[in-house]
Amino acid sequence: MSDPFEIEGPAHVSVSGGRTSGYMLWRMLQAHGGRLPAEVIPIFANTGKEDPATLQFVREMSDRWNVPIRWVEYRYTEEVALRWHEVGFDSASREGEPFEALVRAKQYLPNPVTRFCTIELKIRPIARLAKALGHPGTMDDLERGAIVGIRVDEPRRIIKIGDRKRMPLVAAGVDVREVGAFWQAQPFDLQLPNINGRTLHGNCDLCFLKPTGQVLSLIKEKPARAIWWAHIEDEVGAFASRKFVSTSRFRSDRPSYAQMLAFAGDQRDMFDPDEEAIPCFCGD
């Protein structure tokens, strides 16, 4: 049986900045004798709303494993094909600038049904960088072709991606326990809490796809996290009121970020603790 981590290029690998995709990258390196083929390119797409520990983790993997991880961000221009910009650890956005530029361009907010943030901030910038680096195929092919860090114990995400060739961890039967055991044995790790295999602080810090109770908990831990999200809802709300539309919230089925910030000092258990996160491309 062939090694699912032995990737034939050209190929682009989505490194989310989490433990799972990091483990996938390490397995790929081992399958290739410690160095990826030149046409197999790991790419980290930065939204500007990741926890600083995520950025540090991506840099540390690159440095310790001697693997060049490319960094890319969304950047708005009139020319659609140019809506990407390559950055690095030092130049990467840290105040939500790519996300905010996208929302201003769209003039409405992403939501659980219309999750254009994942497509525009992650999938398309990665594909556009791959295209610029000479990878063949149409943009649709490149957008659908990234190798992603999805485990065998994530059935909803497996179904969403569909193509198992893009999920070497699934082909290898890797679950959350194996990922956790790997990082426990390493001399470095993502400096965010690992709670039963889940990194609650990961991806965009207060992503609207996270369960409400989790978002409130993260706000209670660090109220400043909510400021950017509340600001964006206020800004889009002002535009929506002028245009007589109602797309002024990330989610209409729960309080606004400003309201959750106000709730943060309240110790009552206000939300369903068993609510699950909505799966998306961003990964762990």
C-alpha atoms as a PDB file:
ATOM      1  CA  MET A   1       0.000   0.000   0.000  1.00  0.00           C
ATOM      2  CA  SER A   2       1.371   3.416  -0.944  1.00  0.00           C
ATOM      3  CA  ASP A   3       2.102   5.992   1.731  1.00  0.00           C
ATOM      4  CA  PRO A   4      -0.716   8.606   1.679  1.00  0.00           C
ATOM      5  CA  PHE A   5       1.797  11.214   2.866  1.00  0.00           C
ATOM      6  CA  GLU A   6       4.049  10.689  -0.137  1.00  0.00           C
ATOM      7  CA  ILE A   7       2.678  13.478  -2.308  1.00  0.00           C
ATOM      8  CA  GLU A   8       3.471  13.844  -5.983  1.00  0.00           C
ATOM      9  CA  GLY A   9       3.735  17.472  -7.031  1.00  0.00           C
ATOM     10  CA  PRO A  10       2.682  19.900  -8.085  1.00  0.00           C
ATOM     11  CA  ALA A  11       0.545  20.177  -4.977  1.00  0.00           C
ATOM     12  CA  HIS A  12      -0.287  22.837  -2.409  1.00  0.00           C
ATOM     13  CA  VAL A  13      -0.834  22.016   1.239  1.00  0.00           C
ATOM     14  CA  SER A  14      -3.074  24.084   3.503  1.00  0.00           C
ATOM     15  CA  VAL A  15      -1.306  24.631   6.836  1.00  0.00           C
ATOM     16  CA  SER A  16      -3.997  26.042   9.118  1.00  0.00           C
ATOM     17  CA  GLY A  17      -1.679  26.785  12.019  1.00  0.00           C
ATOM     18  CA  GLY A  18      -3.232  24.111  14.225  1.00  0.00           C
ATOM     19  CA  ARG A  19      -1.853  20.867  15.640  1.00  0.00           C
ATOM     20  CA  THR A  20      -3.607  18.578  13.145  1.00  0.00           C
ATOM     21  CA  SER A  21      -2.310  20.239   9.994  1.00  0.00           C
ATOM     22  CA  GLY A  22       1.087  20.561  11.671  1.00  0.00           C
ATOM     23  CA  TYR A  23       1.174  16.814  12.296  1.00  0.00           C
ATOM     24  CA  MET A  24       0.141  16.201   8.678  1.00  0.00           C
ATOM     25  CA  LEU A  25       3.034  18.375   7.502  1.00  0.00           C
ATOM     26  CA  TRP A  26       5.481  16.437   9.682  1.00  0.00           C
ATOM     27  CA  ARG A  27       4.234  13.106   8.308  1.00  0.00           C
ATOM     28  CA  MET A  28       4.667  14.426   4.785  1.00  0.00           C
ATOM     29  CA  LEU A  29       8.213  15.471   5.577  1.00  0.00           C
ATOM     30  CA  GLN A  30       8.991  11.999   6.951  1.00  0.00           C
ATOM     31  CA  ALA A  31       7.534  10.362   3.853  1.00  0.00           C
ATOM     32  CA  HIS A  32       9.934  12.417   1.719  1.00  0.00           C
ATOM     33  CA  GLY A  33      13.066  11.905   3.774  1.00  0.00           C
ATOM     34  CA  GLY A  34      12.771  15.192   5.659  1.00  0.00           C
ATOM     35  CA  ARG A  35      12.411  17.514   2.680  1.00  0.00           C
ATOM     36  CA  LEU A  36       9.329  18.101   0.537  1.00  0.00           C
ATOM     37  CA  PRO A  37       9.632  17.990  -3.248  1.00  0.00           C
ATOM     38  CA  ALA A  38      10.043  21.472  -4.720  1.00  0.00           C
ATOM     39  CA  GLU A  39       6.551  21.347  -6.252  1.00  0.00           C
ATOM     40  CA  VAL A  40       4.826  20.443  -2.956  1.00  0.00           C
ATOM     41  CA  ILE A  41       4.243  23.793  -1.282  1.00  0.00           C
ATOM     42  CA  PRO A  42       2.819  24.291   2.231  1.00  0.00           C
ATOM     43  CA  ILE A  43       0.827  27.538   2.528  1.00  0.00           C
ATOM     44  CA  PHE A  44      -0.587  29.322   5.566  1.00  0.00           C
ATOM     45  CA  ALA A  45      -3.442  31.784   4.865  1.00  0.00           C
ATOM     46  CA  ASN A  46      -3.573  34.528   7.501  1.00  0.00           C
ATOM     47  CA  THR A  47      -6.845  36.360   8.142  1.00  0.00           C
ATOM     48  CA  GLY A  48      -5.390  38.778  10.691  1.00  0.00           C
ATOM     49  CA  LYS A  49      -7.662  37.369  13.403  1.00  0.00           C
ATOM     50  CA  GLU A  50      -5.584  34.369  14.445  1.00  0.00           C
ATOM     51  CA  ASP A  51      -4.205  34.213  17.960  1.00  0.00           C
ATOM     52  CA  PRO A  52      -0.560  35.364  18.051  1.00  0.00           C
ATOM     53  CA  ALA A  53       0.370  31.868  19.242  1.00  0.00           C
ATOM     54  CA  THR A  54      -0.834  30.469  15.921  1.00  0.00           C
ATOM     55  CA  LEU A  55       1.531  32.703  13.963  1.00  0.00           C
ATOM     56  CA  GLN A  56       4.403  31.761  16.256  1.00  0.00           C
ATOM     57  CA  PHE A  57       3.595  28.062  15.820  1.00  0.00           C
ATOM     58  CA  VAL A  58       3.662  28.283  12.022  1.00  0.00           C
ATOM     59  CA  ARG A  59       7.018  30.044  12.141  1.00  0.00           C
ATOM     60  CA  GLU A  60       8.404  27.527  14.623  1.00  0.00           C
ATOM     61  CA  MET A  61       7.400  24.555  12.477  1.00  0.00           C
ATOM     62  CA  SER A  62       9.084  26.175   9.509  1.00  0.00           C
ATOM     63  CA  ASP A  63      12.275  26.940  11.424  1.00  0.00           C
ATOM     64  CA  ARG A  64      12.613  23.694  13.384  1.00  0.00           C
ATOM     65  CA  TRP A  65      11.734  21.390  10.497  1.00  0.00           C
ATOM     66  CA  ASN A  66      13.531  23.439   7.846  1.00  0.00           C
ATOM     67  CA  VAL A  67      10.463  23.589   5.642  1.00  0.00           C
ATOM     68  CA  PRO A  68       9.576  26.816   3.769  1.00  0.00           C
ATOM     69  CA  ILE A  69       5.931  27.545   4.605  1.00  0.00           C
ATOM     70  CA  ARG A  70       4.584  30.320   2.385  1.00  0.00           C
ATOM     71  CA  TRP A  71       2.295  32.903   4.006  1.00  0.00           C
ATOM     72  CA  VAL A  72      -0.522  34.574   2.078  1.00  0.00           C
ATOM     73  CA  GLU A  73      -3.277  37.084   2.842  1.00  0.00           C
ATOM     74  CA  TYR A  74      -6.323  38.425   1.063  1.00  0.00           C
ATOM     75  CA  ARG A  75      -5.848  41.938  -0.264  1.00  0.00           C
ATOM     76  CA  TYR A  76      -8.629  43.817  -2.028  1.00  0.00           C
ATOM     77  CA  THR A  77      -8.004  45.110  -5.541  1.00  0.00           C
ATOM     78  CA  GLU A  78     -10.324  45.694  -8.480  1.00  0.00           C
ATOM     79  CA  GLU A  79      -8.532  42.898 -10.344  1.00  0.00           C
ATOM     80  CA  VAL A  80      -9.963  39.680  -8.907  1.00  0.00           C
ATOM     81  CA  ALA A  81      -6.930  37.547  -9.796  1.00  0.00           C
ATOM     82  CA  LEU A  82      -4.700  39.861  -7.763  1.00  0.00           C
ATOM     83  CA  ARG A  83      -6.636  39.614  -4.509  1.00  0.00           C
ATOM     84  CA  TRP A  84      -3.765  38.046  -2.620  1.00  0.00           C
ATOM     85  CA  HIS A  85      -0.494  39.200  -1.145  1.00  0.00           C
ATOM     86  CA  GLU A  86       2.422  37.121   0.073  1.00  0.00           C
ATOM     87  CA  VAL A  87       3.653  38.019   3.554  1.00  0.00           C
ATOM     88  CA  GLY A  88       5.764  36.479   6.317  1.00  0.00           C
ATOM     89  CA  PHE A  89       5.817  36.303  10.077  1.00  0.00           C
ATOM     90  CA  ASP A  90       7.023  39.879  10.515  1.00  0.00           C
ATOM     91  CA  SER A  91       4.760  41.450   7.893  1.00  0.00           C
ATOM     92  CA  ALA A  92       1.599  39.414   8.553  1.00  0.00           C
ATOM     93  CA  SER A  93      -1.515  41.312   9.623  1.00  0.00           C
ATOM     94  CA  ARG A  94      -2.469  41.031  13.274  1.00  0.00           C
ATOM     95  CA  GLU A  95      -5.437  43.402  13.611  1.00  0.00           C
ATOM     96  CA  GLY A  96      -7.914  41.760  11.243  1.00  0.00           C
ATOM     97  CA  GLU A  97      -6.951  43.914   8.249  1.00  0.00           C
ATOM     98  CA  PRO A  98      -7.590  41.267   5.528  1.00  0.00           C
ATOM     99  CA  PHE A  99     -10.928  40.286   7.078  1.00  0.00           C
ATOM    100  CA  GLU A 100     -11.996  43.907   7.439  1.00  0.00           C
ATOM    101  CA  ALA A 101     -10.999  44.715   3.842  1.00  0.00           C
ATOM    102  CA  LEU A 102     -13.129  41.795   2.641  1.00  0.00           C
ATOM    103  CA  VAL A 103     -16.181  42.878   4.642  1.00  0.00           C
ATOM    104  CA  ARG A 104     -15.882  46.448   3.368  1.00  0.00           C
ATOM    105  CA  ALA A 105     -15.641  45.189  -0.202  1.00  0.00           C
ATOM    106  CA  LYS A 106     -18.714  42.972   0.225  1.00  0.00           C
ATOM    107  CA  GLN A 107     -20.583  45.477   2.414  1.00  0.00           C
ATOM    108  CA  TYR A 108     -22.232  42.664   4.320  1.00  0.00           C
ATOM    109  CA  LEU A 109     -21.099  40.039   6.810  1.00  0.00           C
ATOM    110  CA  PRO A 110     -20.431  36.336   6.353  1.00  0.00           C
ATOM    111  CA  ASN A 111     -22.733  34.022   8.268  1.00  0.00           C
ATOM    112  CA  PRO A 112     -23.225  30.261   8.784  1.00  0.00           C
ATOM    113  CA  VAL A 113     -25.090  29.974   5.471  1.00  0.00           C
ATOM    114  CA  THR A 114     -22.936  32.323   3.387  1.00  0.00           C
ATOM    115  CA  ARG A 115     -19.428  31.660   4.658  1.00  0.00           C
ATOM    116  CA  PHE A 116     -17.581  33.712   2.095  1.00  0.00           C
ATOM    117  CA  CYS A 117     -14.833  34.514   4.594  1.00  0.00           C
ATOM    118  CA  THR A 118     -13.454  30.972   4.375  1.00  0.00           C
ATOM    119  CA  ILE A 119     -13.511  31.053   0.587  1.00  0.00           C
ATOM    120  CA  GLU A 120     -12.117  34.571   0.163  1.00  0.00           C
ATOM    121  CA  LEU A 121      -9.619  34.665   3.043  1.00  0.00           C
ATOM    122  CA  LYS A 122      -8.315  31.093   2.922  1.00  0.00           C
ATOM    123  CA  ILE A 123      -9.185  28.975  -0.104  1.00  0.00           C
ATOM    124  CA  ARG A 124      -8.782  31.536  -2.888  1.00  0.00           C
ATOM    125  CA  PRO A 125      -5.598  33.259  -1.651  1.00  0.00           C
ATOM    126  CA  ILE A 126      -3.958  29.838  -1.277  1.00  0.00           C
ATOM    127  CA  ALA A 127      -5.057  28.861  -4.791  1.00  0.00           C
ATOM    128  CA  ARG A 128      -3.941  32.194  -6.262  1.00  0.00           C
ATOM    129  CA  LEU A 129      -0.499  31.864  -4.713  1.00  0.00           C
ATOM    130  CA  ALA A 130      -0.239  28.301  -6.037  1.00  0.00           C
ATOM    131  CA  LYS A 131      -1.191  29.595  -9.482  1.00  0.00           C
ATOM    132  CA  ALA A 132       1.418  32.368  -9.266  1.00  0.00           C
ATOM    133  CA  LEU A 133       4.038  29.737  -8.351  1.00  0.00           C
ATOM    134  CA  GLY A 134       3.300  27.902 -11.580  1.00  0.00           C
ATOM    135  CA  HIS A 135       0.945  25.154 -10.481  1.00  0.00           C
ATOM    136  CA  PRO A 136      -1.207  24.010 -13.422  1.00  0.00           C
ATOM    137  CA  GLY A 137      -4.976  23.885 -13.619  1.00  0.00           C
ATOM    138  CA  THR A 138      -7.869  26.299 -13.555  1.00  0.00           C
ATOM    139  CA  MET A 139      -8.594  28.364 -10.492  1.00  0.00           C
ATOM    140  CA  ASP A 140     -11.527  26.071  -9.746  1.00  0.00           C
ATOM    141  CA  ASP A 141      -9.173  23.089  -9.845  1.00  0.00           C
ATOM    142  CA  LEU A 142      -6.675  24.815  -7.554  1.00  0.00           C
ATOM    143  CA  GLU A 143      -9.366  25.932  -5.115  1.00  0.00           C
ATOM    144  CA  ARG A 144     -10.672  22.377  -4.852  1.00  0.00           C
ATOM    145  CA  GLY A 145      -7.251  20.768  -4.840  1.00  0.00           C
ATOM    146  CA  ALA A 146      -5.511  21.816  -1.616  1.00  0.00           C
ATOM    147  CA  ILE A 147      -4.307  19.023   0.647  1.00  0.00           C
ATOM    148  CA  VAL A 148      -5.944  19.575   4.032  1.00  0.00           C
ATOM    149  CA  GLY A 149      -5.445  18.422   7.613  1.00  0.00           C
ATOM    150  CA  ILE A 150      -8.628  16.512   8.397  1.00  0.00           C
ATOM    151  CA  ARG A 151      -8.618  13.533  10.762  1.00  0.00           C
ATOM    152  CA  VAL A 152     -10.536  10.286  10.475  1.00  0.00           C
ATOM    153  CA  ASP A 153     -12.662  11.305  13.506  1.00  0.00           C
ATOM    154  CA  GLU A 154     -14.078  14.381  11.733  1.00  0.00           C
ATOM    155  CA  PRO A 155     -16.830  12.786   9.604  1.00  0.00           C
ATOM    156  CA  ARG A 156     -18.722  15.972   8.805  1.00  0.00           C
ATOM    157  CA  ARG A 157     -15.596  17.650   7.451  1.00  0.00           C
ATOM    158  CA  ILE A 158     -14.661  14.506   5.516  1.00  0.00           C
ATOM    159  CA  ILE A 159     -18.042  14.517   3.799  1.00  0.00           C
ATOM    160  CA  LYS A 160     -17.730  18.226   3.047  1.00  0.00           C
ATOM    161  CA  ILE A 161     -14.342  17.831   1.326  1.00  0.00           C
ATOM    162  CA  GLY A 162     -15.268  14.565  -0.345  1.00  0.00           C
ATOM    163  CA  ASP A 163     -11.998  13.799  -2.144  1.00  0.00           C
ATOM    164  CA  ARG A 164     -10.025  11.509   0.179  1.00  0.00           C
ATOM    165  CA  LYS A 165      -6.846  11.983  -1.850  1.00  0.00           C
ATOM    166  CA  ARG A 166      -6.743  15.478  -0.335  1.00  0.00           C
ATOM    167  CA  MET A 167      -6.943  14.067   3.207  1.00  0.00           C
ATOM    168  CA  PRO A 168      -3.868  11.907   3.918  1.00  0.00           C
ATOM    169  CA  LEU A 169      -4.647  11.794   7.651  1.00  0.00           C
ATOM    170  CA  VAL A 170      -7.982  10.153   6.843  1.00  0.00           C
ATOM    171  CA  ALA A 171      -6.325   7.650   4.512  1.00  0.00           C
ATOM    172  CA  ALA A 172      -3.839   6.818   7.301  1.00  0.00           C
ATOM    173  CA  GLY A 173      -6.575   6.484   9.947  1.00  0.00           C
ATOM    174  CA  VAL A 174      -5.140   9.270  12.116  1.00  0.00           C
ATOM    175  CA  ASP A 175      -7.386  10.461  14.942  1.00  0.00           C
ATOM    176  CA  VAL A 176      -7.162  13.162  17.590  1.00  0.00           C
ATOM    177  CA  ARG A 177      -5.395  10.872  20.056  1.00  0.00           C
ATOM    178  CA  GLU A 178      -2.525  10.239  17.665  1.00  0.00           C
ATOM    179  CA  VAL A 179      -2.160  13.950  16.952  1.00  0.00           C
ATOM    180  CA  GLY A 180      -2.181  14.764  20.666  1.00  0.00           C
ATOM    181  CA  ALA A 181       0.365  12.061  21.497  1.00  0.00           C
ATOM    182  CA  PHE A 182       2.678  13.350  18.785  1.00  0.00           C
ATOM    183  CA  TRP A 183       2.731  16.906  20.107  1.00  0.00           C
ATOM    184  CA  GLN A 184       3.147  15.779  23.706  1.00  0.00           C
ATOM    185  CA  ALA A 185       6.392  14.110  22.632  1.00  0.00           C
ATOM    186  CA  GLN A 186       7.750  17.131  20.756  1.00  0.00           C
ATOM    187  CA  PRO A 187      10.132  19.802  22.102  1.00  0.00           C
ATOM    188  CA  PHE A 188       7.669  22.508  21.005  1.00  0.00           C
ATOM    189  CA  ASP A 189       3.905  22.861  20.636  1.00  0.00           C
ATOM    190  CA  LEU A 190       1.150  25.305  19.818  1.00  0.00           C
ATOM    191  CA  GLN A 191       0.914  27.518  22.910  1.00  0.00           C
ATOM    192  CA  LEU A 192      -2.877  27.325  23.108  1.00  0.00           C
ATOM    193  CA  PRO A 193      -4.826  25.005  25.434  1.00  0.00           C
ATOM    194  CA  ASN A 194      -5.556  21.494  24.183  1.00  0.00           C
ATOM    195  CA  ILE A 195      -8.920  20.503  25.659  1.00  0.00           C
ATOM    196  CA  ASN A 196      -9.823  16.899  24.834  1.00  0.00           C
ATOM    197  CA  GLY A 197      -8.064  17.266  21.512  1.00  0.00           C
ATOM    198  CA  ARG A 198      -9.737  20.555  20.626  1.00  0.00           C
ATOM    199  CA  THR A 199      -8.010  23.910  20.355  1.00  0.00           C
ATOM    200  CA  LEU A 200     -10.842  26.222  21.384  1.00  0.00           C
ATOM    201  CA  HIS A 201      -8.678  29.312  20.867  1.00  0.00           C
ATOM    202  CA  GLY A 202      -7.691  28.302  17.340  1.00  0.00           C
ATOM    203  CA  ASN A 203      -8.536  29.761  13.927  1.00  0.00           C
ATOM    204  CA  CYS A 204     -10.116  33.231  13.996  1.00  0.00           C
ATOM    205  CA  ASP A 205     -10.244  34.064  17.694  1.00  0.00           C
ATOM    206  CA  LEU A 206     -14.032  34.576  17.985  1.00  0.00           C
ATOM    207  CA  CYS A 207     -15.146  32.912  14.747  1.00  0.00           C
ATOM    208  CA  PHE A 208     -18.935  33.010  14.427  1.00  0.00           C
ATOM    209  CA  LEU A 209     -18.922  29.269  13.655  1.00  0.00           C
ATOM    210  CA  LYS A 210     -17.751  28.514  17.187  1.00  0.00           C
ATOM    211  CA  PRO A 211     -20.489  27.591  19.693  1.00  0.00           C
ATOM    212  CA  THR A 212     -21.955  30.582  21.505  1.00  0.00           C
ATOM    213  CA  GLY A 213     -20.875  29.401  24.939  1.00  0.00           C
ATOM    214  CA  GLN A 214     -17.329  28.960  23.693  1.00  0.00           C
ATOM    215  CA  VAL A 215     -17.282  32.472  22.229  1.00  0.00           C
ATOM    216  CA  LEU A 216     -18.592  33.921  25.486  1.00  0.00           C
ATOM    217  CA  SER A 217     -15.980  31.993  27.448  1.00  0.00           C
ATOM    218  CA  LEU A 218     -13.213  33.363  25.229  1.00  0.00           C
ATOM    219  CA  ILE A 219     -14.561  36.890  25.706  1.00  0.00           C
ATOM    220  CA  LYS A 220     -14.670  36.416  29.472  1.00  0.00           C
ATOM    221  CA  GLU A 221     -11.061  35.246  29.380  1.00  0.00           C
ATOM    222  CA  LYS A 222      -9.970  38.270  27.340  1.00  0.00           C
ATOM    223  CA  PRO A 223     -12.679  40.920  26.745  1.00  0.00           C
ATOM    224  CA  ALA A 224     -10.503  42.774  24.205  1.00  0.00           C
ATOM    225  CA  ARG A 225     -11.087  39.899  21.787  1.00  0.00           C
ATOM    226  CA  ALA A 226     -14.661  41.099  21.224  1.00  0.00           C
ATOM    227  CA  ILE A 227     -13.775  44.689  20.285  1.00  0.00           C
ATOM    228  CA  TRP A 228     -12.912  44.026  16.634  1.00  0.00           C
ATOM    229  CA  TRP A 229     -15.949  41.815  16.059  1.00  0.00           C
ATOM    230  CA  ALA A 230     -18.311  44.314  17.676  1.00  0.00           C
ATOM    231  CA  HIS A 231     -16.756  47.132  15.637  1.00  0.00           C
ATOM    232  CA  ILE A 232     -17.301  45.260  12.359  1.00  0.00           C
ATOM    233  CA  GLU A 233     -20.921  44.501  13.220  1.00  0.00           C
ATOM    234  CA  ASP A 234     -21.482  48.166  14.093  1.00  0.00           C
ATOM    235  CA  GLU A 235     -19.863  49.344  10.866  1.00  0.00           C
ATOM    236  CA  VAL A 236     -21.885  46.988   8.679  1.00  0.00           C
ATOM    237  CA  GLY A 237     -24.994  47.769  10.707  1.00  0.00           C
ATOM    238  CA  ALA A 238     -24.633  51.461   9.871  1.00  0.00           C
ATOM    239  CA  PHE A 239     -24.327  50.625   6.173  1.00  0.00           C
ATOM    240  CA  ALA A 240     -27.251  48.197   6.314  1.00  0.00           C
ATOM    241  CA  SER A 241     -29.531  50.793   7.900  1.00  0.00           C
ATOM    242  CA  ARG A 242     -28.793  53.203   5.059  1.00  0.00           C
ATOM    243  CA  LYS A 243     -29.515  50.526   2.462  1.00  0.00           C
ATOM    244  CA  PHE A 244     -32.576  49.187   4.286  1.00  0.00           C
ATOM    245  CA  VAL A 245     -31.167  45.663   4.554  1.00  0.00           C
ATOM    246  CA  SER A 246     -30.751  43.458   7.600  1.00  0.00           C
ATOM    247  CA  THR A 247     -27.345  41.787   7.095  1.00  0.00           C
ATOM    248  CA  SER A 248     -25.744  43.541  10.037  1.00  0.00           C
ATOM    249  CA  ARG A 249     -24.786  40.553  12.200  1.00  0.00           C
ATOM    250  CA  PHE A 250     -22.551  37.534  11.785  1.00  0.00           C
ATOM    251  CA  ARG A 251     -25.383  35.465  13.255  1.00  0.00           C
ATOM    252  CA  SER A 252     -29.014  36.357  13.756  1.00  0.00           C
ATOM    253  CA  ASP A 253     -29.654  33.413  16.093  1.00  0.00           C
ATOM    254  CA  ARG A 254     -27.605  34.747  19.002  1.00  0.00           C
ATOM    255  CA  PRO A 255     -26.627  38.046  20.624  1.00  0.00           C
ATOM    256  CA  SER A 256     -24.316  40.467  18.868  1.00  0.00           C
ATOM    257  CA  TYR A 257     -20.641  40.592  19.830  1.00  0.00           C
ATOM    258  CA  ALA A 258     -21.273  43.874  21.647  1.00  0.00           C
ATOM    259  CA  GLN A 259     -24.019  42.188  23.665  1.00  0.00           C
ATOM    260  CA  MET A 260     -21.802  39.207  24.434  1.00  0.00           C
ATOM    261  CA  LEU A 261     -19.083  41.584  25.572  1.00  0.00           C
ATOM    262  CA  ALA A 262     -21.619  43.124  27.938  1.00  0.00           C
ATOM    263  CA  PHE A 263     -22.603  39.636  29.115  1.00  0.00           C
ATOM    264  CA  ALA A 264     -18.969  38.723  29.788  1.00  0.00           C
ATOM    265  CA  GLY A 265     -19.087  39.959  33.364  1.00  0.00           C
ATOM    266  CA  ASP A 266     -22.207  37.912  34.063  1.00  0.00           C
ATOM    267  CA  GLN A 267     -21.329  34.507  35.508  1.00  0.00           C
ATOM    268  CA  ARG A 268     -24.624  32.885  34.558  1.00  0.00           C
ATOM    269  CA  ASP A 269     -24.521  29.916  32.153  1.00  0.00           C
ATOM    270  CA  MET A 270     -26.535  31.520  29.390  1.00  0.00           C
ATOM    271  CA  PHE A 271     -25.923  29.219  26.432  1.00  0.00           C
ATOM    272  CA  ASP A 272     -26.095  25.534  25.537  1.00  0.00           C
ATOM    273  CA  PRO A 273     -22.790  23.920  26.641  1.00  0.00           C
ATOM    274  CA  ASP A 274     -23.369  21.042  24.184  1.00  0.00           C
ATOM    275  CA  GLU A 275     -23.682  23.238  21.090  1.00  0.00           C
ATOM    276  CA  GLU A 276     -21.241  22.047  18.425  1.00  0.00           C
ATOM    277  CA  ALA A 277     -18.999  24.130  16.220  1.00  0.00           C
ATOM    278  CA  ILE A 278     -19.920  24.348  12.535  1.00  0.00           C
ATOM    279  CA  PRO A 279     -17.217  22.615  10.457  1.00  0.00           C
ATOM    280  CA  CYS A 280     -15.368  24.532   7.770  1.00  0.00           C
ATOM    281  CA  PHE A 281     -12.165  24.501   5.710  1.00  0.00           C
ATOM    282  CA  CYS A 282     -10.119  26.392   8.298  1.00  0.00           C
ATOM    283  CA  GLY A 283      -9.261  23.243  10.232  1.00  0.00           C
ATOM    284  CA  ASP A 284      -7.149  22.598  13.298  1.00  0.00           C
END
